[in-house]
Amino acid sequence: MPPTERTERIKRISNRFKWLMIALMGLLPLTAWLAWAFVELNELDFGFTADEVGPLTTFERWSAAALSIFPLSVSLYALYNLQKLFSLYADGKFFDPENVRCFRNMGWTLVAIVPVDILFNAALSVLLSFDQPAGERMLAVSMSSDDVGIAVVGAVIIIVSWVMAEAVELSKENAQIV
């Protein structure tokens, strides 16, 4: 069956999004590094301010950048799966087991980013307040409605991946019927 206009549009736009994901995979680590290198703590949203932990020292900046590797790697894995999914779509593979894997991985990545982010922010609060006098150091553990929303969206995507797995099986069965 020849490709439809809609199929060609999906392939064309998916190819653009594939390259966007590749660009974001390069830009995300760069922006994270630049943020820790040059931005002041009050300009970042971590739930505590420079008034509470003091100005950032060079050691704290480098340590925070190193600590950022954990949530950053989860985000990069999410972008990698999106890039892979859009590559499959750009190649015209809409009902492929690999698509299901990409969806499932994306769902679990969104679920995983929530505890990783909570632990990152807690560790960051300890790191940045460590040089404060006794009684002024802090361990800030927080969870927002955004975190709950991200986990719920991740769970929904996991369920969608199960439905997609069924669709892949139906597509295979239909392909065998001639």
N, C-alpha and C. Protein backbone atom coordinates (compact mmCIF):
# COMPACT_ATOMS: atom_id res chain seq x y z
N MET A 1 0.84 -1.18 0.00
CA MET A 1 0.00 0.00 0.00
C MET A 1 0.89 1.25 0.00
N PRO A 2 0.65 2.18 -0.92
CA PRO A 2 1.49 3.39 -0.98
C PRO A 2 1.25 4.27 0.25
N PRO A 3 2.29 5.00 0.65
CA PRO A 3 2.14 5.88 1.83
C PRO A 3 1.12 6.98 1.57
N THR A 4 0.35 7.28 2.60
CA THR A 4 -0.65 8.34 2.50
C THR A 4 0.01 9.68 2.83
N GLU A 5 -0.72 10.73 2.58
CA GLU A 5 -0.22 12.07 2.91
C GLU A 5 0.01 12.19 4.42
N ARG A 6 -0.89 11.60 5.19
CA ARG A 6 -0.76 11.64 6.65
C ARG A 6 0.50 10.88 7.09
N THR A 7 0.74 9.71 6.50
CA THR A 7 1.93 8.93 6.83
C THR A 7 3.20 9.71 6.50
N GLU A 8 3.22 10.35 5.35
CA GLU A 8 4.38 11.15 4.96
C GLU A 8 4.58 12.33 5.92
N ARG A 9 3.48 12.95 6.35
CA ARG A 9 3.57 14.06 7.30
C ARG A 9 4.13 13.57 8.64
N ILE A 10 3.66 12.42 9.10
CA ILE A 10 4.17 11.84 10.35
C ILE A 10 5.66 11.57 10.23
N LYS A 11 6.08 11.00 9.11
CA LYS A 11 7.50 10.69 8.91
C LYS A 11 8.35 11.96 8.87
N ARG A 12 7.85 12.97 8.17
CA ARG A 12 8.59 14.23 8.04
C ARG A 12 8.73 14.94 9.39
N ILE A 13 7.63 15.06 10.11
CA ILE A 13 7.66 15.75 11.41
C ILE A 13 8.46 14.94 12.43
N SER A 14 8.33 13.62 12.38
CA SER A 14 9.09 12.76 13.29
C SER A 14 10.59 12.91 13.06
N ASN A 15 10.99 13.05 11.81
CA ASN A 15 12.40 13.26 11.51
C ASN A 15 12.91 14.56 12.13
N ARG A 16 12.09 15.60 12.06
CA ARG A 16 12.47 16.88 12.68
C ARG A 16 12.59 16.73 14.20
N PHE A 17 11.62 16.01 14.79
CA PHE A 17 11.66 15.82 16.24
C PHE A 17 12.83 14.93 16.65
N LYS A 18 13.20 13.98 15.83
CA LYS A 18 14.37 13.15 16.11
C LYS A 18 15.60 14.06 16.25
N TRP A 19 15.76 14.99 15.31
CA TRP A 19 16.92 15.89 15.36
C TRP A 19 16.81 16.89 16.51
N LEU A 20 15.59 17.27 16.86
CA LEU A 20 15.40 18.14 18.03
C LEU A 20 15.84 17.42 19.30
N MET A 21 15.48 16.14 19.44
CA MET A 21 15.88 15.37 20.62
C MET A 21 17.40 15.22 20.67
N ILE A 22 18.02 15.00 19.52
CA ILE A 22 19.49 14.90 19.47
C ILE A 22 20.12 16.22 19.91
N ALA A 23 19.57 17.32 19.43
CA ALA A 23 20.09 18.64 19.83
C ALA A 23 19.91 18.86 21.33
N LEU A 24 18.75 18.49 21.85
CA LEU A 24 18.50 18.66 23.29
C LEU A 24 19.43 17.78 24.13
N MET A 25 19.76 16.60 23.62
CA MET A 25 20.71 15.73 24.34
C MET A 25 22.09 16.39 24.43
N GLY A 26 22.43 17.21 23.46
CA GLY A 26 23.69 17.94 23.53
C GLY A 26 23.59 19.19 24.37
N LEU A 27 22.45 19.87 24.27
CA LEU A 27 22.29 21.15 24.98
C LEU A 27 22.03 20.98 26.48
N LEU A 28 21.35 19.93 26.86
CA LEU A 28 20.99 19.77 28.27
C LEU A 28 22.21 19.70 29.19
N PRO A 29 23.21 18.87 28.89
CA PRO A 29 24.41 18.88 29.76
C PRO A 29 25.13 20.24 29.75
N LEU A 30 25.16 20.87 28.58
CA LEU A 30 25.82 22.17 28.47
C LEU A 30 25.11 23.22 29.34
N THR A 31 23.80 23.27 29.27
CA THR A 31 23.06 24.25 30.06
C THR A 31 23.16 23.95 31.55
N ALA A 32 23.19 22.67 31.91
CA ALA A 32 23.36 22.32 33.33
C ALA A 32 24.72 22.80 33.83
N TRP A 33 25.75 22.56 33.03
CA TRP A 33 27.08 23.00 33.42
C TRP A 33 27.14 24.53 33.52
N LEU A 34 26.58 25.21 32.51
CA LEU A 34 26.59 26.68 32.52
C LEU A 34 25.83 27.24 33.72
N ALA A 35 24.72 26.58 34.08
CA ALA A 35 23.94 27.05 35.23
C ALA A 35 24.78 27.00 36.50
N TRP A 36 25.46 25.88 36.73
CA TRP A 36 26.27 25.78 37.94
C TRP A 36 27.51 26.64 37.87
N ALA A 37 28.03 26.90 36.69
CA ALA A 37 29.24 27.70 36.55
C ALA A 37 28.99 29.19 36.76
N PHE A 38 27.83 29.68 36.29
CA PHE A 38 27.65 31.13 36.25
C PHE A 38 26.42 31.68 36.96
N VAL A 39 25.41 30.89 37.16
CA VAL A 39 24.15 31.41 37.70
C VAL A 39 24.20 31.40 39.23
N GLU A 40 23.59 32.41 39.83
CA GLU A 40 23.52 32.47 41.28
C GLU A 40 22.38 31.59 41.78
N LEU A 41 22.51 31.10 43.00
CA LEU A 41 21.56 30.16 43.56
C LEU A 41 20.14 30.71 43.58
N ASN A 42 19.99 32.00 43.85
CA ASN A 42 18.64 32.58 43.90
C ASN A 42 17.94 32.54 42.55
N GLU A 43 18.70 32.40 41.47
CA GLU A 43 18.11 32.34 40.14
C GLU A 43 17.69 30.92 39.76
N LEU A 44 18.09 29.94 40.55
CA LEU A 44 17.72 28.54 40.32
C LEU A 44 16.58 28.18 41.27
N ASP A 45 15.79 27.22 40.92
CA ASP A 45 14.62 26.86 41.73
C ASP A 45 14.87 25.53 42.44
N PHE A 46 15.46 25.61 43.65
CA PHE A 46 15.73 24.40 44.41
C PHE A 46 15.03 24.39 45.76
N GLY A 47 14.23 25.37 46.06
CA GLY A 47 13.50 25.38 47.32
C GLY A 47 14.27 25.99 48.48
N PHE A 48 15.47 26.49 48.24
CA PHE A 48 16.21 27.20 49.25
C PHE A 48 17.02 28.29 48.56
N THR A 49 17.42 29.28 49.31
CA THR A 49 18.05 30.45 48.71
C THR A 49 19.48 30.63 49.20
N ALA A 50 20.17 31.56 48.57
CA ALA A 50 21.54 31.89 48.99
C ALA A 50 21.55 32.46 50.40
N ASP A 51 20.45 33.08 50.81
CA ASP A 51 20.36 33.59 52.19
C ASP A 51 20.44 32.46 53.19
N GLU A 52 19.91 31.30 52.83
CA GLU A 52 19.89 30.16 53.74
C GLU A 52 21.19 29.37 53.73
N VAL A 53 21.87 29.31 52.60
CA VAL A 53 23.09 28.49 52.51
C VAL A 53 24.35 29.29 52.21
N GLY A 54 24.20 30.59 52.03
CA GLY A 54 25.35 31.42 51.73
C GLY A 54 25.68 31.39 50.24
N PRO A 55 26.59 32.26 49.81
CA PRO A 55 26.97 32.27 48.39
C PRO A 55 27.70 30.98 48.01
N LEU A 56 27.58 30.60 46.75
CA LEU A 56 28.19 29.37 46.28
C LEU A 56 29.70 29.53 46.13
N THR A 57 30.43 28.60 46.72
CA THR A 57 31.88 28.56 46.52
C THR A 57 32.18 27.79 45.24
N THR A 58 33.40 27.88 44.78
CA THR A 58 33.81 27.12 43.59
C THR A 58 33.65 25.62 43.83
N PHE A 59 34.05 25.16 45.01
CA PHE A 59 33.90 23.74 45.34
C PHE A 59 32.43 23.32 45.30
N GLU A 60 31.55 24.15 45.86
CA GLU A 60 30.11 23.82 45.87
C GLU A 60 29.55 23.80 44.45
N ARG A 61 29.99 24.72 43.63
CA ARG A 61 29.52 24.74 42.24
C ARG A 61 29.92 23.46 41.51
N TRP A 62 31.20 23.06 41.63
CA TRP A 62 31.66 21.84 40.95
C TRP A 62 31.01 20.59 41.54
N SER A 63 30.85 20.57 42.85
CA SER A 63 30.21 19.42 43.49
C SER A 63 28.74 19.32 43.09
N ALA A 64 28.07 20.46 43.04
CA ALA A 64 26.65 20.46 42.63
C ALA A 64 26.53 20.04 41.17
N ALA A 65 27.46 20.49 40.34
CA ALA A 65 27.44 20.08 38.92
C ALA A 65 27.65 18.57 38.82
N ALA A 66 28.55 18.03 39.62
CA ALA A 66 28.79 16.58 39.61
C ALA A 66 27.55 15.83 40.11
N LEU A 67 26.92 16.35 41.14
CA LEU A 67 25.71 15.73 41.69
C LEU A 67 24.56 15.77 40.68
N SER A 68 24.57 16.80 39.85
CA SER A 68 23.51 16.96 38.82
C SER A 68 23.55 15.86 37.78
N ILE A 69 24.64 15.11 37.73
CA ILE A 69 24.76 14.03 36.75
C ILE A 69 23.62 13.02 36.91
N PHE A 70 23.17 12.79 38.14
CA PHE A 70 22.13 11.78 38.36
C PHE A 70 20.80 12.16 37.73
N PRO A 71 20.20 13.31 38.05
CA PRO A 71 18.95 13.64 37.36
C PRO A 71 19.16 13.93 35.87
N LEU A 72 20.34 14.45 35.54
CA LEU A 72 20.65 14.73 34.14
C LEU A 72 20.69 13.45 33.32
N SER A 73 21.27 12.40 33.86
CA SER A 73 21.34 11.14 33.12
C SER A 73 19.95 10.55 32.89
N VAL A 74 19.06 10.71 33.86
CA VAL A 74 17.69 10.22 33.68
C VAL A 74 17.00 11.03 32.57
N SER A 75 17.20 12.33 32.58
CA SER A 75 16.61 13.17 31.53
C SER A 75 17.19 12.83 30.16
N LEU A 76 18.48 12.58 30.11
CA LEU A 76 19.11 12.21 28.83
C LEU A 76 18.58 10.87 28.33
N TYR A 77 18.31 9.94 29.24
CA TYR A 77 17.76 8.65 28.85
C TYR A 77 16.34 8.84 28.27
N ALA A 78 15.59 9.76 28.86
CA ALA A 78 14.25 10.06 28.33
C ALA A 78 14.36 10.63 26.92
N LEU A 79 15.27 11.57 26.73
CA LEU A 79 15.47 12.16 25.40
C LEU A 79 15.95 11.12 24.40
N TYR A 80 16.83 10.22 24.84
CA TYR A 80 17.31 9.16 23.97
C TYR A 80 16.14 8.29 23.49
N ASN A 81 15.24 7.93 24.41
CA ASN A 81 14.09 7.11 24.02
C ASN A 81 13.15 7.85 23.09
N LEU A 82 12.98 9.15 23.30
CA LEU A 82 12.16 9.93 22.38
C LEU A 82 12.82 10.01 21.01
N GLN A 83 14.14 10.21 20.99
CA GLN A 83 14.86 10.25 19.72
C GLN A 83 14.71 8.93 18.97
N LYS A 84 14.83 7.84 19.71
CA LYS A 84 14.70 6.51 19.11
C LYS A 84 13.27 6.30 18.57
N LEU A 85 12.27 6.71 19.34
CA LEU A 85 10.88 6.58 18.91
C LEU A 85 10.61 7.39 17.65
N PHE A 86 11.07 8.64 17.64
CA PHE A 86 10.86 9.47 16.45
C PHE A 86 11.64 8.94 15.25
N SER A 87 12.79 8.32 15.48
CA SER A 87 13.53 7.69 14.39
C SER A 87 12.71 6.55 13.78
N LEU A 88 12.09 5.76 14.64
CA LEU A 88 11.24 4.66 14.15
C LEU A 88 10.08 5.22 13.33
N TYR A 89 9.45 6.26 13.84
CA TYR A 89 8.33 6.88 13.11
C TYR A 89 8.81 7.45 11.78
N ALA A 90 9.98 8.10 11.80
CA ALA A 90 10.53 8.68 10.56
C ALA A 90 10.81 7.61 9.52
N ASP A 91 11.12 6.39 10.00
CA ASP A 91 11.35 5.26 9.09
C ASP A 91 10.06 4.55 8.70
N GLY A 92 8.93 5.07 9.18
CA GLY A 92 7.64 4.46 8.83
C GLY A 92 7.29 3.25 9.67
N LYS A 93 7.98 3.07 10.77
CA LYS A 93 7.69 1.93 11.67
C LYS A 93 6.77 2.42 12.78
N PHE A 94 5.47 2.16 12.61
CA PHE A 94 4.48 2.66 13.57
C PHE A 94 4.04 1.58 14.56
N PHE A 95 4.04 0.33 14.13
CA PHE A 95 3.63 -0.78 14.98
C PHE A 95 4.75 -1.80 15.05
N ASP A 96 5.77 -1.43 15.81
CA ASP A 96 6.97 -2.24 15.93
C ASP A 96 7.21 -2.51 17.42
N PRO A 97 7.70 -3.68 17.78
CA PRO A 97 7.99 -3.93 19.20
C PRO A 97 8.95 -2.90 19.80
N GLU A 98 9.82 -2.35 18.97
CA GLU A 98 10.76 -1.35 19.47
C GLU A 98 10.04 -0.07 19.91
N ASN A 99 8.94 0.29 19.22
CA ASN A 99 8.13 1.44 19.63
C ASN A 99 7.59 1.21 21.03
N VAL A 100 7.11 0.00 21.26
CA VAL A 100 6.56 -0.35 22.58
C VAL A 100 7.64 -0.19 23.64
N ARG A 101 8.85 -0.67 23.35
CA ARG A 101 9.96 -0.53 24.28
C ARG A 101 10.25 0.94 24.59
N CYS A 102 10.22 1.76 23.55
CA CYS A 102 10.47 3.20 23.76
C CYS A 102 9.42 3.81 24.67
N PHE A 103 8.15 3.48 24.41
CA PHE A 103 7.07 3.99 25.27
C PHE A 103 7.24 3.51 26.70
N ARG A 104 7.47 2.20 26.86
CA ARG A 104 7.62 1.64 28.20
C ARG A 104 8.80 2.30 28.93
N ASN A 105 9.94 2.43 28.23
CA ASN A 105 11.11 3.06 28.84
C ASN A 105 10.82 4.52 29.22
N MET A 106 10.09 5.23 28.37
CA MET A 106 9.74 6.62 28.69
C MET A 106 8.89 6.68 29.95
N GLY A 107 7.90 5.78 30.04
CA GLY A 107 7.04 5.76 31.22
C GLY A 107 7.84 5.50 32.49
N TRP A 108 8.70 4.49 32.46
CA TRP A 108 9.50 4.18 33.64
C TRP A 108 10.50 5.29 33.95
N THR A 109 10.98 5.96 32.92
CA THR A 109 11.91 7.07 33.14
C THR A 109 11.20 8.21 33.86
N LEU A 110 9.97 8.51 33.45
CA LEU A 110 9.22 9.57 34.13
C LEU A 110 8.90 9.18 35.57
N VAL A 111 8.59 7.92 35.81
CA VAL A 111 8.36 7.47 37.18
C VAL A 111 9.65 7.58 37.99
N ALA A 112 10.77 7.19 37.38
CA ALA A 112 12.06 7.19 38.09
C ALA A 112 12.59 8.58 38.38
N ILE A 113 12.27 9.55 37.55
CA ILE A 113 12.83 10.89 37.76
C ILE A 113 12.33 11.51 39.07
N VAL A 114 11.16 11.09 39.52
CA VAL A 114 10.60 11.67 40.75
C VAL A 114 11.47 11.35 41.97
N PRO A 115 11.74 10.08 42.30
CA PRO A 115 12.61 9.84 43.46
C PRO A 115 14.04 10.34 43.23
N VAL A 116 14.52 10.27 42.00
CA VAL A 116 15.87 10.77 41.72
C VAL A 116 15.93 12.27 42.01
N ASP A 117 14.92 13.00 41.59
CA ASP A 117 14.88 14.45 41.82
C ASP A 117 14.75 14.77 43.31
N ILE A 118 13.94 14.01 44.03
CA ILE A 118 13.79 14.23 45.47
C ILE A 118 15.13 13.99 46.17
N LEU A 119 15.81 12.89 45.82
CA LEU A 119 17.11 12.59 46.43
C LEU A 119 18.17 13.62 46.03
N PHE A 120 18.13 14.06 44.78
CA PHE A 120 19.08 15.08 44.32
C PHE A 120 18.92 16.38 45.12
N ASN A 121 17.67 16.84 45.25
CA ASN A 121 17.44 18.09 45.99
C ASN A 121 17.83 17.95 47.46
N ALA A 122 17.58 16.78 48.06
CA ALA A 122 17.97 16.56 49.45
C ALA A 122 19.49 16.59 49.58
N ALA A 123 20.18 15.86 48.70
CA ALA A 123 21.65 15.84 48.74
C ALA A 123 22.22 17.23 48.46
N LEU A 124 21.59 17.95 47.55
CA LEU A 124 22.05 19.30 47.23
C LEU A 124 21.92 20.23 48.43
N SER A 125 20.83 20.11 49.16
CA SER A 125 20.65 20.97 50.34
C SER A 125 21.72 20.69 51.39
N VAL A 126 22.09 19.42 51.56
CA VAL A 126 23.16 19.07 52.50
C VAL A 126 24.50 19.62 52.00
N LEU A 127 24.78 19.40 50.73
CA LEU A 127 26.04 19.87 50.14
C LEU A 127 26.20 21.39 50.28
N LEU A 128 25.16 22.13 49.93
CA LEU A 128 25.28 23.58 49.90
C LEU A 128 25.21 24.23 51.28
N SER A 129 24.72 23.50 52.27
CA SER A 129 24.67 24.08 53.62
C SER A 129 25.72 23.48 54.54
N PHE A 130 26.56 22.60 54.01
CA PHE A 130 27.55 21.89 54.83
C PHE A 130 28.54 22.84 55.50
N ASP A 131 28.88 23.94 54.84
CA ASP A 131 29.86 24.87 55.41
C ASP A 131 29.22 25.89 56.37
N GLN A 132 27.94 25.74 56.63
CA GLN A 132 27.27 26.62 57.57
C GLN A 132 27.58 26.17 59.00
N PRO A 133 27.43 27.08 59.97
CA PRO A 133 27.68 26.69 61.36
C PRO A 133 26.66 25.64 61.82
N ALA A 134 27.03 24.90 62.84
CA ALA A 134 26.12 23.89 63.40
C ALA A 134 24.79 24.55 63.75
N GLY A 135 23.73 23.86 63.43
CA GLY A 135 22.38 24.39 63.68
C GLY A 135 21.80 25.11 62.48
N GLU A 136 22.66 25.47 61.53
CA GLU A 136 22.18 26.16 60.32
C GLU A 136 22.29 25.29 59.08
N ARG A 137 22.85 24.09 59.24
CA ARG A 137 22.90 23.16 58.12
C ARG A 137 21.50 22.60 57.91
N MET A 138 21.24 22.14 56.71
CA MET A 138 19.89 21.64 56.48
C MET A 138 19.86 20.43 55.56
N LEU A 139 18.79 19.70 55.74
CA LEU A 139 18.42 18.61 54.85
C LEU A 139 17.00 18.92 54.43
N ALA A 140 16.84 19.35 53.19
CA ALA A 140 15.51 19.73 52.69
C ALA A 140 14.99 18.63 51.77
N VAL A 141 13.93 17.99 52.20
CA VAL A 141 13.29 16.95 51.40
C VAL A 141 11.92 17.48 51.02
N SER A 142 11.65 17.50 49.72
CA SER A 142 10.36 18.04 49.29
C SER A 142 9.83 17.27 48.09
N MET A 143 8.53 17.31 47.98
CA MET A 143 7.84 16.70 46.84
C MET A 143 6.69 17.63 46.50
N SER A 144 6.54 17.92 45.23
CA SER A 144 5.50 18.85 44.82
C SER A 144 4.41 18.13 44.03
N SER A 145 3.37 18.86 43.74
CA SER A 145 2.30 18.30 42.91
C SER A 145 2.82 18.03 41.50
N ASP A 146 3.84 18.76 41.07
CA ASP A 146 4.47 18.48 39.78
C ASP A 146 5.08 17.08 39.77
N ASP A 147 5.72 16.71 40.89
CA ASP A 147 6.31 15.37 40.99
C ASP A 147 5.24 14.30 40.88
N VAL A 148 4.13 14.50 41.57
CA VAL A 148 3.03 13.55 41.50
C VAL A 148 2.50 13.47 40.07
N GLY A 149 2.35 14.62 39.44
CA GLY A 149 1.86 14.66 38.06
C GLY A 149 2.78 13.94 37.10
N ILE A 150 4.08 14.12 37.25
CA ILE A 150 5.05 13.45 36.38
C ILE A 150 4.97 11.94 36.57
N ALA A 151 4.87 11.49 37.83
CA ALA A 151 4.76 10.05 38.09
C ALA A 151 3.48 9.48 37.50
N VAL A 152 2.38 10.23 37.60
CA VAL A 152 1.11 9.76 37.04
C VAL A 152 1.20 9.68 35.52
N VAL A 153 1.77 10.69 34.89
CA VAL A 153 1.94 10.67 33.43
C VAL A 153 2.82 9.48 33.04
N GLY A 154 3.87 9.22 33.81
CA GLY A 154 4.72 8.06 33.54
C GLY A 154 3.94 6.76 33.62
N ALA A 155 3.11 6.63 34.65
CA ALA A 155 2.29 5.42 34.80
C ALA A 155 1.31 5.28 33.63
N VAL A 156 0.73 6.38 33.20
CA VAL A 156 -0.20 6.35 32.06
C VAL A 156 0.55 5.89 30.80
N ILE A 157 1.75 6.39 30.60
CA ILE A 157 2.53 6.00 29.42
C ILE A 157 2.87 4.51 29.48
N ILE A 158 3.16 4.00 30.66
CA ILE A 158 3.41 2.56 30.80
C ILE A 158 2.18 1.77 30.37
N ILE A 159 1.00 2.20 30.81
CA ILE A 159 -0.24 1.51 30.42
C ILE A 159 -0.46 1.63 28.92
N VAL A 160 -0.18 2.80 28.35
CA VAL A 160 -0.29 2.97 26.90
C VAL A 160 0.66 2.01 26.18
N SER A 161 1.84 1.78 26.77
CA SER A 161 2.78 0.84 26.14
C SER A 161 2.21 -0.57 26.13
N TRP A 162 1.45 -0.92 27.14
CA TRP A 162 0.81 -2.24 27.16
C TRP A 162 -0.22 -2.34 26.03
N VAL A 163 -0.99 -1.26 25.85
CA VAL A 163 -1.98 -1.22 24.77
C VAL A 163 -1.28 -1.28 23.42
N MET A 164 -0.16 -0.55 23.32
CA MET A 164 0.61 -0.57 22.07
C MET A 164 1.14 -1.97 21.78
N ALA A 165 1.54 -2.70 22.82
CA ALA A 165 2.02 -4.07 22.63
C ALA A 165 0.92 -4.93 22.02
N GLU A 166 -0.31 -4.73 22.48
CA GLU A 166 -1.44 -5.46 21.92
C GLU A 166 -1.67 -5.05 20.46
N ALA A 167 -1.53 -3.77 20.18
CA ALA A 167 -1.71 -3.28 18.81
C ALA A 167 -0.65 -3.87 17.88
N VAL A 168 0.57 -4.00 18.38
CA VAL A 168 1.65 -4.61 17.58
C VAL A 168 1.29 -6.06 17.25
N GLU A 169 0.78 -6.78 18.24
CA GLU A 169 0.39 -8.17 18.00
C GLU A 169 -0.75 -8.25 16.98
N LEU A 170 -1.74 -7.38 17.10
CA LEU A 170 -2.84 -7.36 16.13
C LEU A 170 -2.34 -7.00 14.74
N SER A 171 -1.39 -6.07 14.66
CA SER A 171 -0.82 -5.68 13.37
C SER A 171 -0.10 -6.86 12.73
N LYS A 172 0.63 -7.63 13.55
CA LYS A 172 1.32 -8.82 13.03
C LYS A 172 0.31 -9.85 12.50
N GLU A 173 -0.76 -10.06 13.29
CA GLU A 173 -1.79 -11.02 12.86
C GLU A 173 -2.45 -10.57 11.56
N ASN A 174 -2.76 -9.29 11.46
CA ASN A 174 -3.39 -8.76 10.25
C ASN A 174 -2.46 -8.86 9.03
N ALA A 175 -1.17 -8.70 9.27
CA ALA A 175 -0.21 -8.80 8.17
C ALA A 175 -0.13 -10.22 7.61
N GLN A 176 -0.41 -11.19 8.47
CA GLN A 176 -0.36 -12.59 8.03
C GLN A 176 -1.57 -13.00 7.26
N ILE A 177 -2.67 -12.27 7.42
CA ILE A 177 -3.91 -12.58 6.70
C ILE A 177 -3.83 -11.93 5.32
N VAL A 178 -3.86 -12.73 4.32
CA VAL A 178 -3.75 -12.21 2.95
C VAL A 178 -5.01 -12.47 2.20
